[in-house]
Amino acid sequence: MGRVIEPRVDHCDVAVVLAAHGERRIGASNDNVRRIERALTQRRFVAQVKAGFISGRPSMREALDSVTARTVFIYPLFAANGYFTRDRLVQLIDEADHQRRTTKILTPLGLDPGLPDLLLERGAEQARAYGFDRAAALLLLGHGSRRYPQSYEAADQLASAVRSRGWFSAVEFALLEQHP
């Protein structure tokens, strides 16, 4: 059974803004973030759920402008508390949020303590669906950053946490912008 969130404020006056890097190239749809946005909206645990992108549309400003709630939780869909979540996202929110309301940036998705169990559950489910057993290996993929070590550290910690659960024969990670 999942965790039950007990809001300390009236959930009718609460919004969640999913903050993601996004993609600006022509034809980019940011579908994965849109799926998360729809799934959370359908659960109706807060009044509004919107997605905002650092690169892409809607921008963080547009997302924040579209919510009317007095309390806004920003949920960074990032692996680590690196440059984008610690610096750039804070700057964009400061520039965009001129309303008198409470705005709180939550811990990034990649640092959520429930993520290793979720990855293990989904990974094992997929392994079994394709006829693999506990001898299967799991490879976690991430973006990484050449300038900031937080991405590497978060990926390494996540892989270690999933590995420690002991279901897969091996759990490794690979990053797009850095080794490994």
C-alpha atoms as a PDB file:
ATOM      1  CA  MET A   1       0.000   0.000   0.000  1.00  0.00           C
ATOM      2  CA  GLY A   2       1.336   3.454  -0.933  1.00  0.00           C
ATOM      3  CA  ARG A   3       2.014   6.262   1.460  1.00  0.00           C
ATOM      4  CA  VAL A   4      -0.919   8.406   2.495  1.00  0.00           C
ATOM      5  CA  ILE A   5      -0.253  12.114   2.281  1.00  0.00           C
ATOM      6  CA  GLU A   6      -2.012  14.054   4.993  1.00  0.00           C
ATOM      7  CA  PRO A   7      -2.131  17.667   3.784  1.00  0.00           C
ATOM      8  CA  ARG A   8      -1.740  20.359   6.428  1.00  0.00           C
ATOM      9  CA  VAL A   9      -3.712  22.792   4.310  1.00  0.00           C
ATOM     10  CA  ASP A  10      -7.027  22.584   2.506  1.00  0.00           C
ATOM     11  CA  HIS A  11      -6.264  20.489  -0.583  1.00  0.00           C
ATOM     12  CA  CYS A  12      -8.766  22.588  -2.552  1.00  0.00           C
ATOM     13  CA  ASP A  13      -6.357  25.493  -2.301  1.00  0.00           C
ATOM     14  CA  VAL A  14      -3.197  23.513  -3.177  1.00  0.00           C
ATOM     15  CA  ALA A  15      -1.501  23.055  -6.536  1.00  0.00           C
ATOM     16  CA  VAL A  16       1.409  20.928  -7.660  1.00  0.00           C
ATOM     17  CA  VAL A  17       3.658  22.166 -10.453  1.00  0.00           C
ATOM     18  CA  LEU A  18       5.821  19.475 -11.996  1.00  0.00           C
ATOM     19  CA  ALA A  19       9.122  21.098 -12.898  1.00  0.00           C
ATOM     20  CA  ALA A  20      10.987  19.387 -15.714  1.00  0.00           C
ATOM     21  CA  HIS A  21      13.855  20.242 -18.012  1.00  0.00           C
ATOM     22  CA  GLY A  22      11.774  19.863 -21.139  1.00  0.00           C
ATOM     23  CA  GLU A  23      12.649  20.063 -24.796  1.00  0.00           C
ATOM     24  CA  ARG A  24      12.275  23.036 -27.140  1.00  0.00           C
ATOM     25  CA  ARG A  25      13.062  21.396 -30.456  1.00  0.00           C
ATOM     26  CA  ILE A  26      10.332  21.396 -33.080  1.00  0.00           C
ATOM     27  CA  GLY A  27       7.994  18.468 -32.578  1.00  0.00           C
ATOM     28  CA  ALA A  28       9.008  17.892 -28.953  1.00  0.00           C
ATOM     29  CA  SER A  29       5.970  16.999 -26.891  1.00  0.00           C
ATOM     30  CA  ASN A  30       7.370  16.193 -23.455  1.00  0.00           C
ATOM     31  CA  ASP A  31       4.868  13.303 -23.375  1.00  0.00           C
ATOM     32  CA  ASN A  32       6.268  11.584 -20.282  1.00  0.00           C
ATOM     33  CA  VAL A  33       5.769  14.663 -18.133  1.00  0.00           C
ATOM     34  CA  ARG A  34       2.290  15.154 -19.620  1.00  0.00           C
ATOM     35  CA  ARG A  35       1.410  11.555 -18.648  1.00  0.00           C
ATOM     36  CA  ILE A  36       2.474  12.218 -15.054  1.00  0.00           C
ATOM     37  CA  GLU A  37       0.479  15.457 -15.063  1.00  0.00           C
ATOM     38  CA  ARG A  38      -2.668  13.641 -16.278  1.00  0.00           C
ATOM     39  CA  ALA A  39      -2.240  10.781 -13.793  1.00  0.00           C
ATOM     40  CA  LEU A  40      -1.893  13.150 -10.834  1.00  0.00           C
ATOM     41  CA  THR A  41      -4.807  15.287 -12.029  1.00  0.00           C
ATOM     42  CA  GLN A  42      -7.028  12.187 -12.202  1.00  0.00           C
ATOM     43  CA  ARG A  43      -6.200  11.315  -8.590  1.00  0.00           C
ATOM     44  CA  ARG A  44      -7.584  14.703  -7.440  1.00  0.00           C
ATOM     45  CA  PHE A  45      -5.486  14.913  -4.301  1.00  0.00           C
ATOM     46  CA  VAL A  46      -4.877  18.623  -4.951  1.00  0.00           C
ATOM     47  CA  ALA A  47      -6.917  21.276  -6.740  1.00  0.00           C
ATOM     48  CA  GLN A  48      -4.554  21.720  -9.686  1.00  0.00           C
ATOM     49  CA  VAL A  49      -1.624  19.893 -11.270  1.00  0.00           C
ATOM     50  CA  LYS A  50       0.381  21.634 -13.972  1.00  0.00           C
ATOM     51  CA  ALA A  51       3.666  20.972 -15.739  1.00  0.00           C
ATOM     52  CA  GLY A  52       6.257  23.679 -16.273  1.00  0.00           C
ATOM     53  CA  PHE A  53       9.487  23.418 -18.217  1.00  0.00           C
ATOM     54  CA  ILE A  54      12.849  25.067 -17.969  1.00  0.00           C
ATOM     55  CA  SER A  55      13.196  24.516 -21.723  1.00  0.00           C
ATOM     56  CA  GLY A  56       9.849  24.106 -23.419  1.00  0.00           C
ATOM     57  CA  ARG A  57       6.225  25.044 -23.111  1.00  0.00           C
ATOM     58  CA  PRO A  58       4.573  25.825 -20.863  1.00  0.00           C
ATOM     59  CA  SER A  59       7.434  27.615 -19.161  1.00  0.00           C
ATOM     60  CA  MET A  60       7.666  27.690 -15.375  1.00  0.00           C
ATOM     61  CA  ARG A  61       6.217  31.219 -15.479  1.00  0.00           C
ATOM     62  CA  GLU A  62       3.283  30.047 -17.611  1.00  0.00           C
ATOM     63  CA  ALA A  63       2.645  27.078 -15.319  1.00  0.00           C
ATOM     64  CA  LEU A  64       2.735  29.229 -12.185  1.00  0.00           C
ATOM     65  CA  ASP A  65       0.530  31.879 -13.810  1.00  0.00           C
ATOM     66  CA  SER A  66      -2.050  29.197 -14.616  1.00  0.00           C
ATOM     67  CA  VAL A  67      -2.590  28.053 -11.029  1.00  0.00           C
ATOM     68  CA  THR A  68      -4.882  29.893  -8.657  1.00  0.00           C
ATOM     69  CA  ALA A  69      -4.146  27.983  -5.454  1.00  0.00           C
ATOM     70  CA  ARG A  70      -2.699  29.829  -2.469  1.00  0.00           C
ATOM     71  CA  THR A  71      -0.213  27.010  -1.782  1.00  0.00           C
ATOM     72  CA  VAL A  72       1.969  25.655  -4.579  1.00  0.00           C
ATOM     73  CA  PHE A  73       4.305  22.702  -4.283  1.00  0.00           C
ATOM     74  CA  ILE A  74       6.965  22.516  -6.983  1.00  0.00           C
ATOM     75  CA  TYR A  75       8.007  18.907  -7.651  1.00  0.00           C
ATOM     76  CA  PRO A  76      11.290  18.761  -9.611  1.00  0.00           C
ATOM     77  CA  LEU A  77      11.339  15.795 -11.977  1.00  0.00           C
ATOM     78  CA  PHE A  78      15.122  15.624 -11.728  1.00  0.00           C
ATOM     79  CA  ALA A  79      17.477  12.954 -10.447  1.00  0.00           C
ATOM     80  CA  ALA A  80      19.473  15.189  -8.133  1.00  0.00           C
ATOM     81  CA  ASN A  81      19.584  18.491  -6.340  1.00  0.00           C
ATOM     82  CA  GLY A  82      22.044  19.921  -8.840  1.00  0.00           C
ATOM     83  CA  TYR A  83      22.264  23.085 -10.898  1.00  0.00           C
ATOM     84  CA  PHE A  84      18.741  22.996 -12.359  1.00  0.00           C
ATOM     85  CA  THR A  85      16.926  22.307  -9.095  1.00  0.00           C
ATOM     86  CA  ARG A  86      19.166  24.253  -6.735  1.00  0.00           C
ATOM     87  CA  ASP A  87      19.908  27.308  -8.906  1.00  0.00           C
ATOM     88  CA  ARG A  88      18.014  27.647 -12.182  1.00  0.00           C
ATOM     89  CA  LEU A  89      14.604  26.468 -10.951  1.00  0.00           C
ATOM     90  CA  VAL A  90      14.783  28.742  -7.893  1.00  0.00           C
ATOM     91  CA  GLN A  91      15.646  31.679 -10.162  1.00  0.00           C
ATOM     92  CA  LEU A  92      12.749  30.928 -12.534  1.00  0.00           C
ATOM     93  CA  ILE A  93      10.284  30.627  -9.666  1.00  0.00           C
ATOM     94  CA  ASP A  94      11.491  33.877  -8.100  1.00  0.00           C
ATOM     95  CA  GLU A  95      11.081  35.636 -11.453  1.00  0.00           C
ATOM     96  CA  ALA A  96       7.670  34.127 -12.163  1.00  0.00           C
ATOM     97  CA  ASP A  97       5.782  33.914  -8.905  1.00  0.00           C
ATOM     98  CA  HIS A  98       4.628  37.443  -8.111  1.00  0.00           C
ATOM     99  CA  GLN A  99       1.441  36.425  -6.346  1.00  0.00           C
ATOM    100  CA  ARG A 100       1.248  36.401  -2.585  1.00  0.00           C
ATOM    101  CA  ARG A 101       1.140  32.695  -1.963  1.00  0.00           C
ATOM    102  CA  THR A 102       3.169  29.964  -0.348  1.00  0.00           C
ATOM    103  CA  THR A 103       5.538  28.235  -2.764  1.00  0.00           C
ATOM    104  CA  LYS A 104       7.669  25.274  -1.678  1.00  0.00           C
ATOM    105  CA  ILE A 105      10.145  23.301  -3.758  1.00  0.00           C
ATOM    106  CA  LEU A 106       9.995  19.612  -2.856  1.00  0.00           C
ATOM    107  CA  THR A 107      12.853  17.126  -2.892  1.00  0.00           C
ATOM    108  CA  PRO A 108      13.663  16.058  -6.484  1.00  0.00           C
ATOM    109  CA  LEU A 109      12.142  12.794  -7.698  1.00  0.00           C
ATOM    110  CA  GLY A 110      15.533  11.074  -7.900  1.00  0.00           C
ATOM    111  CA  LEU A 111      16.133  11.617  -4.185  1.00  0.00           C
ATOM    112  CA  ASP A 112      12.727  10.371  -3.048  1.00  0.00           C
ATOM    113  CA  PRO A 113      13.283   7.570  -0.484  1.00  0.00           C
ATOM    114  CA  GLY A 114      10.521   5.496  -2.102  1.00  0.00           C
ATOM    115  CA  LEU A 115      12.130   5.497  -5.551  1.00  0.00           C
ATOM    116  CA  PRO A 116      14.450   2.477  -5.055  1.00  0.00           C
ATOM    117  CA  ASP A 117      11.497   0.267  -4.077  1.00  0.00           C
ATOM    118  CA  LEU A 118       9.442   1.570  -6.987  1.00  0.00           C
ATOM    119  CA  LEU A 119      12.287   0.880  -9.435  1.00  0.00           C
ATOM    120  CA  LEU A 120      12.775  -2.591  -7.985  1.00  0.00           C
ATOM    121  CA  GLU A 121       9.056  -3.353  -8.223  1.00  0.00           C
ATOM    122  CA  ARG A 122       8.713  -2.092 -11.804  1.00  0.00           C
ATOM    123  CA  GLY A 123      12.027  -3.585 -12.910  1.00  0.00           C
ATOM    124  CA  ALA A 124      11.192  -7.005 -11.492  1.00  0.00           C
ATOM    125  CA  GLU A 125       7.713  -6.812 -13.027  1.00  0.00           C
ATOM    126  CA  GLN A 126       9.199  -6.100 -16.469  1.00  0.00           C
ATOM    127  CA  ALA A 127      11.879  -8.775 -16.085  1.00  0.00           C
ATOM    128  CA  ARG A 128       9.243 -11.394 -15.254  1.00  0.00           C
ATOM    129  CA  ALA A 129       6.999 -10.200 -18.121  1.00  0.00           C
ATOM    130  CA  TYR A 130       9.847 -10.881 -20.567  1.00  0.00           C
ATOM    131  CA  GLY A 131      10.736 -14.243 -19.064  1.00  0.00           C
ATOM    132  CA  PHE A 132      13.769 -13.172 -17.044  1.00  0.00           C
ATOM    133  CA  ASP A 133      14.322 -14.233 -13.493  1.00  0.00           C
ATOM    134  CA  ARG A 134      16.437 -12.969 -10.625  1.00  0.00           C
ATOM    135  CA  ALA A 135      19.544 -13.536 -12.737  1.00  0.00           C
ATOM    136  CA  ALA A 136      18.588 -10.458 -14.778  1.00  0.00           C
ATOM    137  CA  ALA A 137      20.587  -7.256 -14.503  1.00  0.00           C
ATOM    138  CA  LEU A 138      19.064  -3.785 -14.247  1.00  0.00           C
ATOM    139  CA  LEU A 139      20.601  -0.757 -15.956  1.00  0.00           C
ATOM    140  CA  LEU A 140      19.471   2.672 -14.745  1.00  0.00           C
ATOM    141  CA  LEU A 141      19.940   5.546 -17.193  1.00  0.00           C
ATOM    142  CA  GLY A 142      20.372   9.199 -16.321  1.00  0.00           C
ATOM    143  CA  HIS A 143      21.419  12.467 -17.853  1.00  0.00           C
ATOM    144  CA  GLY A 144      24.440  13.338 -15.731  1.00  0.00           C
ATOM    145  CA  SER A 145      26.389  16.577 -15.779  1.00  0.00           C
ATOM    146  CA  ARG A 146      29.982  17.354 -16.607  1.00  0.00           C
ATOM    147  CA  ARG A 147      29.907  20.405 -14.334  1.00  0.00           C
ATOM    148  CA  TYR A 148      28.071  19.202 -11.254  1.00  0.00           C
ATOM    149  CA  PRO A 149      28.780  15.981  -9.341  1.00  0.00           C
ATOM    150  CA  GLN A 150      25.294  15.720  -7.830  1.00  0.00           C
ATOM    151  CA  SER A 151      23.896  13.833 -10.837  1.00  0.00           C
ATOM    152  CA  TYR A 152      26.576  11.158 -10.627  1.00  0.00           C
ATOM    153  CA  GLU A 153      26.247  10.892  -6.848  1.00  0.00           C
ATOM    154  CA  ALA A 154      22.451  10.563  -6.988  1.00  0.00           C
ATOM    155  CA  ALA A 155      22.609   7.893  -9.718  1.00  0.00           C
ATOM    156  CA  ASP A 156      25.261   5.966  -7.783  1.00  0.00           C
ATOM    157  CA  GLN A 157      23.220   6.120  -4.555  1.00  0.00           C
ATOM    158  CA  LEU A 158      20.050   5.062  -6.355  1.00  0.00           C
ATOM    159  CA  ALA A 159      21.769   2.109  -8.030  1.00  0.00           C
ATOM    160  CA  SER A 160      23.301   1.093  -4.673  1.00  0.00           C
ATOM    161  CA  ALA A 161      19.922   1.277  -2.956  1.00  0.00           C
ATOM    162  CA  VAL A 162      18.238  -0.893  -5.613  1.00  0.00           C
ATOM    163  CA  ARG A 163      21.221  -3.274  -5.624  1.00  0.00           C
ATOM    164  CA  SER A 164      20.965  -3.691  -1.837  1.00  0.00           C
ATOM    165  CA  ARG A 165      17.432  -5.102  -2.209  1.00  0.00           C
ATOM    166  CA  GLY A 166      19.041  -8.169  -3.784  1.00  0.00           C
ATOM    167  CA  TRP A 167      16.529  -9.077  -6.492  1.00  0.00           C
ATOM    168  CA  PHE A 168      18.684  -8.427  -9.564  1.00  0.00           C
ATOM    169  CA  SER A 169      21.996 -10.140 -10.189  1.00  0.00           C
ATOM    170  CA  ALA A 170      23.498  -6.722 -10.924  1.00  0.00           C
ATOM    171  CA  VAL A 171      22.321  -3.110 -10.849  1.00  0.00           C
ATOM    172  CA  GLU A 172      24.404  -0.517 -12.680  1.00  0.00           C
ATOM    173  CA  PHE A 173      23.864   2.979 -14.007  1.00  0.00           C
ATOM    174  CA  ALA A 174      24.934   4.896 -17.095  1.00  0.00           C
ATOM    175  CA  LEU A 175      24.866   8.643 -17.703  1.00  0.00           C
ATOM    176  CA  LEU A 176      24.542  10.478 -21.006  1.00  0.00           C
ATOM    177  CA  GLU A 177      26.964  13.306 -20.236  1.00  0.00           C
ATOM    178  CA  GLN A 178      29.570  11.621 -18.062  1.00  0.00           C
ATOM    179  CA  HIS A 179      31.110   8.292 -17.137  1.00  0.00           C
ATOM    180  CA  PRO A 180      30.067   5.650 -16.424  1.00  0.00           C
END
